[in-house]
Amino acid sequence: MHERQTKKCLNLARLWLISDARNDAGLDRVLRNLPHGSGFIYRHYHLPPPTRESRFRHLARIARRYGHSIILADTAQLARKWRADGVYGAPEHLGERRAGLLRLATVHSLHELGAAHRAGADAALLSPAFPTRSHPGGKVLGINRFHLLEQRAMMPVIALGGVTRHRARVLATGRRVNRWAAIDGLSSENVPAQTLA
């Protein structure tokens, strides 16, 4: 993997929590229990705009208190307006490169990995590494294909899709993959808070 060694990449969180309608009720607790300096990607596409912004501001206050990076799944313009640390989305929707905004691209294939590189993304969330609740029965990369794509990445890769602490260790074995993101893998009511640290 040939990562761009920018200041943003060097400070890129290793652990990322992604919001979703199904994990919303536990987000306050999980944000408080994540290791200091983790990342939080706020999606909440299911909410109408005023409610979405209000929920973002509430969760952002908690996240900042614990030193977490806050990324908005929307336009760069809205990310700046809401004072997010960055923007998340498909490579073609990341907008222009602007100083100060971290740009995280969603990637599912070699083609999209190339698009993320051309768009100047600071990191790629490569998914789905494993079967997920978000897309039951959907096609997954699996460990071998994930590693093949990760090796070709010109930026840091964040593993996503069915990733748990155990699966993150499996992906990292003998590799430089040391960043992962999850919705359920960090938010499950069955996961005691102390295991999130």
N, C-alpha and C. Protein backbone atom coordinates (compact mmCIF):
# COMPACT_ATOMS: atom_id res chain seq x y z
N MET A 1 0.85 -1.18 0.00
CA MET A 1 0.00 0.00 0.00
C MET A 1 0.89 1.23 0.00
N HIS A 2 0.61 2.17 -0.87
CA HIS A 2 1.40 3.39 -0.98
C HIS A 2 0.55 4.55 -0.50
N GLU A 3 0.57 4.81 0.80
CA GLU A 3 -0.27 5.86 1.37
C GLU A 3 0.33 7.23 1.11
N ARG A 4 -0.55 8.18 0.84
CA ARG A 4 -0.12 9.57 0.82
C ARG A 4 0.19 9.97 2.25
N GLN A 5 1.38 10.47 2.50
CA GLN A 5 1.76 10.81 3.87
C GLN A 5 1.49 12.28 4.16
N THR A 6 0.24 12.64 4.17
CA THR A 6 -0.13 14.00 4.51
C THR A 6 -0.41 14.07 6.00
N LYS A 7 -0.46 15.30 6.51
CA LYS A 7 -0.77 15.47 7.93
C LYS A 7 -2.12 14.85 8.26
N LYS A 8 -3.09 15.00 7.34
CA LYS A 8 -4.42 14.44 7.58
C LYS A 8 -4.35 12.92 7.69
N CYS A 9 -3.55 12.28 6.83
CA CYS A 9 -3.44 10.82 6.86
C CYS A 9 -2.75 10.35 8.13
N LEU A 10 -1.73 11.07 8.56
CA LEU A 10 -1.00 10.68 9.75
C LEU A 10 -1.88 10.76 10.99
N ASN A 11 -2.86 11.66 10.98
CA ASN A 11 -3.76 11.83 12.12
C ASN A 11 -5.08 11.08 11.94
N LEU A 12 -5.17 10.25 10.92
CA LEU A 12 -6.41 9.53 10.63
C LEU A 12 -6.71 8.51 11.72
N ALA A 13 -7.92 8.56 12.24
CA ALA A 13 -8.33 7.65 13.32
C ALA A 13 -8.23 6.19 12.87
N ARG A 14 -7.98 5.32 13.83
CA ARG A 14 -7.91 3.89 13.54
C ARG A 14 -9.28 3.22 13.64
N LEU A 15 -10.17 3.79 14.43
CA LEU A 15 -11.47 3.19 14.68
C LEU A 15 -12.57 4.19 14.33
N TRP A 16 -13.56 3.75 13.54
CA TRP A 16 -14.62 4.63 13.05
C TRP A 16 -16.00 4.04 13.36
N LEU A 17 -16.84 4.85 13.94
CA LEU A 17 -18.24 4.50 14.18
C LEU A 17 -19.07 5.18 13.10
N ILE A 18 -19.95 4.42 12.45
CA ILE A 18 -20.82 4.97 11.42
C ILE A 18 -22.26 4.95 11.92
N SER A 19 -22.93 6.09 11.80
CA SER A 19 -24.31 6.18 12.29
C SER A 19 -25.29 5.59 11.29
N ASP A 20 -26.40 5.14 11.84
CA ASP A 20 -27.44 4.51 11.04
C ASP A 20 -28.73 4.58 11.85
N ALA A 21 -29.86 4.46 11.19
CA ALA A 21 -31.14 4.49 11.91
C ALA A 21 -31.19 3.41 12.99
N ARG A 22 -30.61 2.25 12.70
CA ARG A 22 -30.73 1.14 13.66
C ARG A 22 -29.79 1.25 14.85
N ASN A 23 -28.75 2.10 14.79
CA ASN A 23 -27.87 2.23 15.97
C ASN A 23 -28.04 3.58 16.66
N ASP A 24 -29.00 4.36 16.21
CA ASP A 24 -29.17 5.72 16.74
C ASP A 24 -29.36 5.77 18.26
N ALA A 25 -30.17 4.89 18.78
CA ALA A 25 -30.50 4.94 20.22
C ALA A 25 -29.27 4.79 21.11
N GLY A 26 -28.25 4.09 20.64
CA GLY A 26 -27.07 3.86 21.48
C GLY A 26 -25.88 4.75 21.16
N LEU A 27 -26.02 5.69 20.24
CA LEU A 27 -24.87 6.47 19.80
C LEU A 27 -24.23 7.31 20.91
N ASP A 28 -25.03 7.91 21.77
CA ASP A 28 -24.45 8.72 22.86
C ASP A 28 -23.50 7.86 23.69
N ARG A 29 -23.96 6.67 24.07
CA ARG A 29 -23.15 5.77 24.91
C ARG A 29 -21.90 5.30 24.17
N VAL A 30 -22.07 4.89 22.92
CA VAL A 30 -20.92 4.36 22.17
C VAL A 30 -19.87 5.45 21.95
N LEU A 31 -20.29 6.66 21.62
CA LEU A 31 -19.33 7.76 21.44
C LEU A 31 -18.52 8.01 22.70
N ARG A 32 -19.16 7.88 23.85
CA ARG A 32 -18.45 8.09 25.12
C ARG A 32 -17.46 6.96 25.42
N ASN A 33 -17.72 5.78 24.88
CA ASN A 33 -16.89 4.61 25.17
C ASN A 33 -15.81 4.32 24.13
N LEU A 34 -15.87 4.98 22.99
CA LEU A 34 -14.82 4.78 21.99
C LEU A 34 -13.49 5.32 22.51
N PRO A 35 -12.37 4.75 22.08
CA PRO A 35 -11.08 5.31 22.48
C PRO A 35 -10.98 6.77 22.04
N HIS A 36 -10.34 7.59 22.85
CA HIS A 36 -10.13 9.00 22.52
C HIS A 36 -9.49 9.11 21.14
N GLY A 37 -10.01 10.03 20.34
CA GLY A 37 -9.44 10.24 19.01
C GLY A 37 -9.95 9.30 17.94
N SER A 38 -11.06 8.63 18.19
CA SER A 38 -11.67 7.78 17.17
C SER A 38 -12.39 8.67 16.15
N GLY A 39 -13.00 8.05 15.16
CA GLY A 39 -13.74 8.80 14.16
C GLY A 39 -15.22 8.48 14.20
N PHE A 40 -16.04 9.46 13.82
CA PHE A 40 -17.49 9.28 13.80
C PHE A 40 -18.01 9.80 12.47
N ILE A 41 -18.63 8.91 11.70
CA ILE A 41 -19.23 9.28 10.41
C ILE A 41 -20.74 9.36 10.60
N TYR A 42 -21.25 10.58 10.45
CA TYR A 42 -22.68 10.82 10.66
C TYR A 42 -23.41 10.73 9.33
N ARG A 43 -24.32 9.75 9.23
CA ARG A 43 -25.13 9.59 8.02
C ARG A 43 -26.56 10.04 8.30
N HIS A 44 -27.31 9.24 9.01
CA HIS A 44 -28.70 9.57 9.37
C HIS A 44 -29.51 10.10 8.18
N TYR A 45 -29.40 9.39 7.07
CA TYR A 45 -30.14 9.78 5.86
C TYR A 45 -31.65 9.72 6.07
N HIS A 46 -32.08 8.96 7.06
CA HIS A 46 -33.51 8.72 7.27
C HIS A 46 -34.24 9.92 7.89
N LEU A 47 -33.51 10.90 8.38
CA LEU A 47 -34.14 12.04 9.07
C LEU A 47 -34.40 13.21 8.12
N PRO A 48 -35.48 13.95 8.34
CA PRO A 48 -35.70 15.18 7.57
C PRO A 48 -34.61 16.20 7.92
N PRO A 49 -34.27 17.12 7.00
CA PRO A 49 -33.13 18.03 7.20
C PRO A 49 -33.04 18.74 8.56
N PRO A 50 -34.10 19.38 9.07
CA PRO A 50 -33.94 20.08 10.35
C PRO A 50 -33.62 19.13 11.51
N THR A 51 -34.28 17.97 11.52
CA THR A 51 -34.04 16.98 12.57
C THR A 51 -32.65 16.38 12.43
N ARG A 52 -32.23 16.15 11.19
CA ARG A 52 -30.90 15.60 10.93
C ARG A 52 -29.82 16.54 11.46
N GLU A 53 -29.98 17.83 11.20
CA GLU A 53 -28.99 18.80 11.68
C GLU A 53 -28.98 18.87 13.21
N SER A 54 -30.14 18.87 13.81
CA SER A 54 -30.23 18.93 15.27
C SER A 54 -29.56 17.72 15.92
N ARG A 55 -29.82 16.54 15.36
CA ARG A 55 -29.19 15.32 15.90
C ARG A 55 -27.67 15.36 15.69
N PHE A 56 -27.25 15.86 14.55
CA PHE A 56 -25.81 16.00 14.28
C PHE A 56 -25.15 16.88 15.34
N ARG A 57 -25.75 18.02 15.61
CA ARG A 57 -25.14 18.96 16.56
C ARG A 57 -25.04 18.34 17.96
N HIS A 58 -26.07 17.61 18.35
CA HIS A 58 -26.04 16.94 19.66
C HIS A 58 -24.90 15.92 19.73
N LEU A 59 -24.82 15.05 18.71
CA LEU A 59 -23.79 14.01 18.71
C LEU A 59 -22.39 14.60 18.52
N ALA A 60 -22.29 15.67 17.75
CA ALA A 60 -20.99 16.32 17.53
C ALA A 60 -20.43 16.87 18.84
N ARG A 61 -21.30 17.41 19.69
CA ARG A 61 -20.83 17.92 20.99
C ARG A 61 -20.21 16.79 21.82
N ILE A 62 -20.86 15.65 21.84
CA ILE A 62 -20.32 14.50 22.58
C ILE A 62 -19.01 14.05 21.95
N ALA A 63 -19.01 13.90 20.63
CA ALA A 63 -17.81 13.42 19.94
C ALA A 63 -16.62 14.34 20.18
N ARG A 64 -16.83 15.64 20.11
CA ARG A 64 -15.73 16.59 20.32
C ARG A 64 -15.20 16.51 21.75
N ARG A 65 -16.10 16.31 22.70
CA ARG A 65 -15.69 16.19 24.10
C ARG A 65 -14.69 15.04 24.29
N TYR A 66 -14.80 14.02 23.45
CA TYR A 66 -13.92 12.85 23.55
C TYR A 66 -12.84 12.83 22.47
N GLY A 67 -12.66 13.95 21.81
CA GLY A 67 -11.57 14.08 20.84
C GLY A 67 -11.75 13.32 19.54
N HIS A 68 -13.00 12.98 19.20
CA HIS A 68 -13.25 12.22 17.97
C HIS A 68 -13.35 13.15 16.75
N SER A 69 -12.90 12.65 15.60
CA SER A 69 -13.12 13.34 14.33
C SER A 69 -14.58 13.14 13.94
N ILE A 70 -15.18 14.18 13.36
CA ILE A 70 -16.59 14.11 12.98
C ILE A 70 -16.70 14.36 11.48
N ILE A 71 -17.21 13.37 10.78
CA ILE A 71 -17.32 13.42 9.33
C ILE A 71 -18.80 13.39 8.95
N LEU A 72 -19.19 14.23 8.01
CA LEU A 72 -20.58 14.29 7.56
C LEU A 72 -20.73 13.60 6.21
N ALA A 73 -21.70 12.72 6.11
CA ALA A 73 -22.04 12.08 4.84
C ALA A 73 -22.98 13.01 4.10
N ASP A 74 -22.39 13.94 3.36
CA ASP A 74 -23.15 14.93 2.61
C ASP A 74 -22.17 15.71 1.74
N THR A 75 -22.54 16.90 1.36
CA THR A 75 -21.65 17.72 0.53
C THR A 75 -20.58 18.39 1.37
N ALA A 76 -19.49 18.76 0.70
CA ALA A 76 -18.42 19.49 1.39
C ALA A 76 -18.95 20.83 1.90
N GLN A 77 -19.83 21.44 1.13
CA GLN A 77 -20.41 22.73 1.53
C GLN A 77 -21.17 22.60 2.85
N LEU A 78 -21.99 21.56 2.97
CA LEU A 78 -22.75 21.37 4.20
C LEU A 78 -21.82 20.96 5.35
N ALA A 79 -20.80 20.18 5.05
CA ALA A 79 -19.83 19.79 6.08
C ALA A 79 -19.16 21.02 6.68
N ARG A 80 -18.80 21.98 5.84
CA ARG A 80 -18.19 23.22 6.35
C ARG A 80 -19.21 24.03 7.15
N LYS A 81 -20.44 24.10 6.66
CA LYS A 81 -21.48 24.87 7.35
C LYS A 81 -21.77 24.29 8.73
N TRP A 82 -21.79 22.96 8.84
CA TRP A 82 -22.07 22.31 10.12
C TRP A 82 -20.81 22.14 10.96
N ARG A 83 -19.69 22.61 10.45
CA ARG A 83 -18.38 22.54 11.14
C ARG A 83 -17.93 21.11 11.40
N ALA A 84 -18.18 20.25 10.44
CA ALA A 84 -17.66 18.88 10.51
C ALA A 84 -16.18 18.93 10.14
N ASP A 85 -15.47 17.87 10.49
CA ASP A 85 -14.05 17.79 10.17
C ASP A 85 -13.80 17.28 8.77
N GLY A 86 -14.84 16.72 8.16
CA GLY A 86 -14.66 16.18 6.82
C GLY A 86 -15.96 15.73 6.20
N VAL A 87 -15.82 15.13 5.02
CA VAL A 87 -16.96 14.71 4.23
C VAL A 87 -16.76 13.25 3.81
N TYR A 88 -17.88 12.52 3.66
CA TYR A 88 -17.87 11.09 3.35
C TYR A 88 -18.85 10.82 2.22
N GLY A 89 -18.43 10.02 1.24
CA GLY A 89 -19.34 9.66 0.17
C GLY A 89 -18.61 9.03 -0.99
N ALA A 90 -19.34 8.81 -2.07
CA ALA A 90 -18.75 8.26 -3.29
C ALA A 90 -17.70 9.25 -3.80
N PRO A 91 -16.63 8.75 -4.44
CA PRO A 91 -15.55 9.64 -4.88
C PRO A 91 -16.04 10.84 -5.69
N GLU A 92 -17.01 10.63 -6.56
CA GLU A 92 -17.48 11.72 -7.41
C GLU A 92 -18.31 12.76 -6.65
N HIS A 93 -18.67 12.48 -5.41
CA HIS A 93 -19.46 13.42 -4.62
C HIS A 93 -18.67 14.11 -3.51
N LEU A 94 -17.36 13.91 -3.48
CA LEU A 94 -16.56 14.51 -2.41
C LEU A 94 -16.35 16.01 -2.61
N GLY A 95 -16.56 16.48 -3.82
CA GLY A 95 -16.37 17.91 -4.08
C GLY A 95 -14.91 18.26 -4.24
N GLU A 96 -14.66 19.55 -4.37
CA GLU A 96 -13.29 20.03 -4.56
C GLU A 96 -12.45 19.82 -3.31
N ARG A 97 -11.15 19.67 -3.55
CA ARG A 97 -10.23 19.56 -2.42
C ARG A 97 -10.17 20.91 -1.72
N ARG A 98 -10.46 20.92 -0.47
CA ARG A 98 -10.41 22.15 0.32
C ARG A 98 -9.56 21.92 1.54
N ALA A 99 -8.74 22.88 1.86
CA ALA A 99 -7.88 22.76 3.05
C ALA A 99 -8.75 22.58 4.29
N GLY A 100 -8.35 21.65 5.12
CA GLY A 100 -9.03 21.47 6.39
C GLY A 100 -10.09 20.40 6.42
N LEU A 101 -10.66 20.01 5.29
CA LEU A 101 -11.69 18.96 5.29
C LEU A 101 -11.07 17.61 4.95
N LEU A 102 -11.28 16.65 5.81
CA LEU A 102 -10.87 15.28 5.54
C LEU A 102 -11.88 14.69 4.57
N ARG A 103 -11.40 13.98 3.55
CA ARG A 103 -12.29 13.46 2.51
C ARG A 103 -12.21 11.94 2.47
N LEU A 104 -13.29 11.28 2.90
CA LEU A 104 -13.33 9.83 2.97
C LEU A 104 -14.25 9.29 1.88
N ALA A 105 -13.70 8.42 1.02
CA ALA A 105 -14.46 7.88 -0.10
C ALA A 105 -14.98 6.48 0.19
N THR A 106 -16.20 6.22 -0.23
CA THR A 106 -16.74 4.86 -0.16
C THR A 106 -16.27 4.11 -1.40
N VAL A 107 -15.72 2.92 -1.20
CA VAL A 107 -15.12 2.16 -2.30
C VAL A 107 -15.54 0.70 -2.20
N HIS A 108 -15.94 0.12 -3.35
CA HIS A 108 -16.38 -1.28 -3.38
C HIS A 108 -15.67 -2.09 -4.46
N SER A 109 -14.82 -1.44 -5.27
CA SER A 109 -14.19 -2.14 -6.39
C SER A 109 -12.89 -1.44 -6.77
N LEU A 110 -12.12 -2.09 -7.65
CA LEU A 110 -10.88 -1.50 -8.14
C LEU A 110 -11.17 -0.21 -8.90
N HIS A 111 -12.24 -0.21 -9.69
CA HIS A 111 -12.63 0.99 -10.43
C HIS A 111 -12.89 2.16 -9.48
N GLU A 112 -13.65 1.92 -8.42
CA GLU A 112 -13.95 2.98 -7.46
C GLU A 112 -12.71 3.39 -6.67
N LEU A 113 -11.79 2.46 -6.46
CA LEU A 113 -10.54 2.80 -5.79
C LEU A 113 -9.75 3.79 -6.63
N GLY A 114 -9.71 3.56 -7.94
CA GLY A 114 -9.06 4.50 -8.85
C GLY A 114 -9.75 5.85 -8.85
N ALA A 115 -11.08 5.84 -8.81
CA ALA A 115 -11.83 7.10 -8.77
C ALA A 115 -11.54 7.86 -7.49
N ALA A 116 -11.40 7.15 -6.37
CA ALA A 116 -11.08 7.80 -5.10
C ALA A 116 -9.70 8.45 -5.16
N HIS A 117 -8.76 7.77 -5.79
CA HIS A 117 -7.42 8.33 -5.94
C HIS A 117 -7.46 9.60 -6.80
N ARG A 118 -8.15 9.52 -7.94
CA ARG A 118 -8.25 10.68 -8.83
C ARG A 118 -8.97 11.85 -8.16
N ALA A 119 -9.92 11.54 -7.29
CA ALA A 119 -10.66 12.60 -6.59
C ALA A 119 -9.86 13.21 -5.46
N GLY A 120 -8.71 12.60 -5.13
CA GLY A 120 -7.88 13.14 -4.06
C GLY A 120 -8.39 12.79 -2.67
N ALA A 121 -9.08 11.66 -2.55
CA ALA A 121 -9.59 11.25 -1.23
C ALA A 121 -8.43 11.03 -0.28
N ASP A 122 -8.64 11.36 0.97
CA ASP A 122 -7.61 11.16 2.00
C ASP A 122 -7.57 9.72 2.48
N ALA A 123 -8.69 9.00 2.36
CA ALA A 123 -8.76 7.60 2.75
C ALA A 123 -9.96 6.97 2.05
N ALA A 124 -9.92 5.63 1.96
CA ALA A 124 -11.02 4.89 1.34
C ALA A 124 -11.62 3.92 2.34
N LEU A 125 -12.94 3.95 2.48
CA LEU A 125 -13.64 2.95 3.27
C LEU A 125 -14.00 1.82 2.31
N LEU A 126 -13.25 0.73 2.39
CA LEU A 126 -13.36 -0.39 1.46
C LEU A 126 -14.33 -1.42 2.01
N SER A 127 -15.39 -1.69 1.23
CA SER A 127 -16.44 -2.58 1.72
C SER A 127 -17.17 -3.29 0.58
N PRO A 128 -17.95 -4.31 0.91
CA PRO A 128 -18.07 -4.94 2.23
C PRO A 128 -17.04 -6.05 2.40
N ALA A 129 -16.26 -5.95 3.44
CA ALA A 129 -15.23 -6.95 3.69
C ALA A 129 -15.85 -8.30 4.04
N PHE A 130 -16.95 -8.26 4.79
CA PHE A 130 -17.63 -9.47 5.27
C PHE A 130 -19.14 -9.30 5.08
N PRO A 131 -19.92 -10.35 5.28
CA PRO A 131 -21.39 -10.20 5.21
C PRO A 131 -21.87 -9.16 6.23
N THR A 132 -22.89 -8.41 5.84
CA THR A 132 -23.38 -7.33 6.69
C THR A 132 -24.89 -7.41 6.90
N ARG A 133 -25.34 -6.76 7.97
CA ARG A 133 -26.78 -6.63 8.20
C ARG A 133 -27.37 -5.60 7.25
N SER A 134 -26.55 -4.66 6.81
CA SER A 134 -27.04 -3.61 5.90
C SER A 134 -27.48 -4.19 4.56
N HIS A 135 -26.76 -5.21 4.09
CA HIS A 135 -27.06 -5.82 2.79
C HIS A 135 -27.05 -7.35 2.93
N PRO A 136 -28.06 -7.91 3.61
CA PRO A 136 -28.08 -9.35 3.83
C PRO A 136 -28.09 -10.12 2.51
N GLY A 137 -27.22 -11.12 2.42
CA GLY A 137 -27.14 -11.92 1.21
C GLY A 137 -26.40 -11.26 0.08
N GLY A 138 -25.90 -10.04 0.30
CA GLY A 138 -25.18 -9.32 -0.74
C GLY A 138 -23.79 -9.88 -0.97
N LYS A 139 -23.22 -9.52 -2.11
CA LYS A 139 -21.88 -9.96 -2.47
C LYS A 139 -20.86 -9.28 -1.55
N VAL A 140 -19.87 -10.04 -1.09
CA VAL A 140 -18.83 -9.49 -0.22
C VAL A 140 -17.46 -9.65 -0.88
N LEU A 141 -16.50 -8.82 -0.44
CA LEU A 141 -15.15 -8.92 -0.98
C LEU A 141 -14.45 -10.17 -0.47
N GLY A 142 -14.60 -10.46 0.81
CA GLY A 142 -13.85 -11.55 1.42
C GLY A 142 -12.42 -11.11 1.70
N ILE A 143 -11.72 -11.89 2.47
CA ILE A 143 -10.39 -11.50 2.93
C ILE A 143 -9.41 -11.34 1.77
N ASN A 144 -9.36 -12.32 0.85
CA ASN A 144 -8.37 -12.26 -0.23
C ASN A 144 -8.58 -11.08 -1.16
N ARG A 145 -9.82 -10.88 -1.61
CA ARG A 145 -10.10 -9.75 -2.52
C ARG A 145 -9.88 -8.43 -1.79
N PHE A 146 -10.28 -8.37 -0.53
CA PHE A 146 -10.05 -7.15 0.25
C PHE A 146 -8.56 -6.82 0.26
N HIS A 147 -7.71 -7.82 0.53
CA HIS A 147 -6.27 -7.57 0.57
C HIS A 147 -5.71 -7.18 -0.79
N LEU A 148 -6.22 -7.78 -1.86
CA LEU A 148 -5.76 -7.40 -3.20
C LEU A 148 -6.06 -5.94 -3.49
N LEU A 149 -7.26 -5.49 -3.14
CA LEU A 149 -7.62 -4.09 -3.36
C LEU A 149 -6.83 -3.17 -2.44
N GLU A 150 -6.68 -3.56 -1.19
CA GLU A 150 -5.93 -2.76 -0.22
C GLU A 150 -4.50 -2.54 -0.68
N GLN A 151 -3.89 -3.56 -1.29
CA GLN A 151 -2.51 -3.44 -1.77
C GLN A 151 -2.38 -2.42 -2.89
N ARG A 152 -3.44 -2.22 -3.65
CA ARG A 152 -3.40 -1.28 -4.77
C ARG A 152 -3.78 0.15 -4.37
N ALA A 153 -4.22 0.30 -3.16
CA ALA A 153 -4.67 1.62 -2.71
C ALA A 153 -3.50 2.58 -2.59
N MET A 154 -3.71 3.80 -3.03
CA MET A 154 -2.71 4.86 -2.94
C MET A 154 -3.01 5.78 -1.76
N MET A 155 -3.82 5.30 -0.85
CA MET A 155 -4.25 6.08 0.31
C MET A 155 -4.53 5.09 1.43
N PRO A 156 -4.69 5.54 2.65
CA PRO A 156 -5.05 4.63 3.73
C PRO A 156 -6.41 3.98 3.46
N VAL A 157 -6.54 2.74 3.87
CA VAL A 157 -7.79 1.99 3.71
C VAL A 157 -8.39 1.75 5.09
N ILE A 158 -9.69 1.96 5.18
CA ILE A 158 -10.46 1.67 6.39
C ILE A 158 -11.40 0.53 6.05
N ALA A 159 -11.26 -0.60 6.73
CA ALA A 159 -12.10 -1.77 6.46
C ALA A 159 -13.52 -1.52 6.97
N LEU A 160 -14.50 -1.88 6.15
CA LEU A 160 -15.91 -1.68 6.50
C LEU A 160 -16.73 -2.86 5.98
N GLY A 161 -17.82 -3.13 6.66
CA GLY A 161 -18.75 -4.15 6.19
C GLY A 161 -18.61 -5.43 6.98
N GLY A 162 -19.42 -5.59 8.02
CA GLY A 162 -19.39 -6.79 8.83
C GLY A 162 -18.15 -6.90 9.70
N VAL A 163 -17.44 -5.80 9.87
CA VAL A 163 -16.19 -5.83 10.64
C VAL A 163 -16.49 -5.73 12.13
N THR A 164 -15.87 -6.63 12.87
CA THR A 164 -15.90 -6.62 14.33
C THR A 164 -14.45 -6.55 14.79
N ARG A 165 -14.25 -6.44 16.08
CA ARG A 165 -12.88 -6.40 16.61
C ARG A 165 -12.09 -7.64 16.16
N HIS A 166 -12.71 -8.82 16.26
CA HIS A 166 -12.04 -10.06 15.86
C HIS A 166 -11.72 -10.05 14.36
N ARG A 167 -12.70 -9.70 13.54
CA ARG A 167 -12.48 -9.69 12.09
C ARG A 167 -11.44 -8.64 11.68
N ALA A 168 -11.39 -7.54 12.40
CA ALA A 168 -10.37 -6.52 12.11
C ALA A 168 -8.98 -7.10 12.35
N ARG A 169 -8.83 -7.89 13.40
CA ARG A 169 -7.53 -8.54 13.68
C ARG A 169 -7.16 -9.51 12.56
N VAL A 170 -8.16 -10.25 12.07
CA VAL A 170 -7.92 -11.20 10.97
C VAL A 170 -7.45 -10.44 9.73
N LEU A 171 -8.10 -9.35 9.40
CA LEU A 171 -7.70 -8.55 8.24
C LEU A 171 -6.30 -7.98 8.40
N ALA A 172 -5.93 -7.64 9.62
CA ALA A 172 -4.65 -6.99 9.88
C ALA A 172 -3.47 -7.96 9.92
N THR A 173 -3.74 -9.25 10.05
CA THR A 173 -2.66 -10.23 10.19
C THR A 173 -1.73 -10.17 8.98
N GLY A 174 -0.48 -9.80 9.25
CA GLY A 174 0.53 -9.73 8.20
C GLY A 174 0.33 -8.60 7.21
N ARG A 175 -0.55 -7.67 7.51
CA ARG A 175 -0.87 -6.57 6.59
C ARG A 175 -0.73 -5.24 7.29
N ARG A 176 -0.91 -4.18 6.51
CA ARG A 176 -0.87 -2.84 7.08
C ARG A 176 -2.27 -2.28 7.30
N VAL A 177 -3.28 -3.12 7.24
CA VAL A 177 -4.65 -2.67 7.49
C VAL A 177 -4.82 -2.55 9.00
N ASN A 178 -4.85 -1.33 9.49
CA ASN A 178 -5.00 -1.15 10.94
C ASN A 178 -6.13 -0.19 11.27
N ARG A 179 -6.99 0.05 10.30
CA ARG A 179 -8.13 0.94 10.52
C ARG A 179 -9.40 0.20 10.13
N TRP A 180 -10.44 0.37 10.94
CA TRP A 180 -11.70 -0.26 10.60
C TRP A 180 -12.87 0.57 11.08
N ALA A 181 -14.01 0.33 10.43
CA ALA A 181 -15.24 1.06 10.74
C ALA A 181 -16.38 0.07 10.88
N ALA A 182 -17.38 0.46 11.65
CA ALA A 182 -18.52 -0.43 11.83
C ALA A 182 -19.76 0.35 12.23
N ILE A 183 -20.89 -0.26 11.96
CA ILE A 183 -22.18 0.21 12.46
C ILE A 183 -22.56 -0.70 13.62
N ASP A 184 -22.84 -1.95 13.29
CA ASP A 184 -23.23 -2.93 14.31
C ASP A 184 -22.04 -3.44 15.12
N GLY A 185 -20.88 -3.53 14.51
CA GLY A 185 -19.70 -4.06 15.19
C GLY A 185 -19.25 -3.24 16.38
N LEU A 186 -19.69 -2.01 16.45
CA LEU A 186 -19.37 -1.14 17.59
C LEU A 186 -20.62 -0.75 18.38
N SER A 187 -21.78 -1.02 17.83
CA SER A 187 -23.00 -0.49 18.42
C SER A 187 -23.91 -1.54 19.02
N SER A 188 -23.59 -2.79 18.86
CA SER A 188 -24.48 -3.84 19.34
C SER A 188 -24.72 -3.72 20.84
N GLU A 189 -25.96 -3.87 21.21
CA GLU A 189 -26.30 -3.84 22.64
C GLU A 189 -25.66 -5.01 23.38
N ASN A 190 -25.21 -6.01 22.63
CA ASN A 190 -24.57 -7.18 23.24
C ASN A 190 -23.09 -6.95 23.52
N VAL A 191 -22.55 -5.83 23.08
CA VAL A 191 -21.13 -5.56 23.29
C VAL A 191 -20.99 -4.67 24.52
N PRO A 192 -20.40 -5.17 25.61
CA PRO A 192 -20.21 -4.34 26.79
C PRO A 192 -19.32 -3.15 26.47
N ALA A 193 -19.57 -2.03 27.12
CA ALA A 193 -18.83 -0.80 26.85
C ALA A 193 -17.34 -1.00 26.96
N GLN A 194 -16.86 -1.78 27.95
CA GLN A 194 -15.43 -1.89 28.16
C GLN A 194 -14.71 -2.56 26.99
N THR A 195 -15.43 -3.33 26.16
CA THR A 195 -14.76 -3.98 25.03
C THR A 195 -14.58 -3.02 23.87
N LEU A 196 -15.17 -1.85 23.94
CA LEU A 196 -15.04 -0.89 22.85
C LEU A 196 -13.75 -0.11 22.94
N ALA A 197 -13.12 -0.09 24.08
CA ALA A 197 -11.91 0.71 24.25
C ALA A 197 -10.72 0.04 23.62
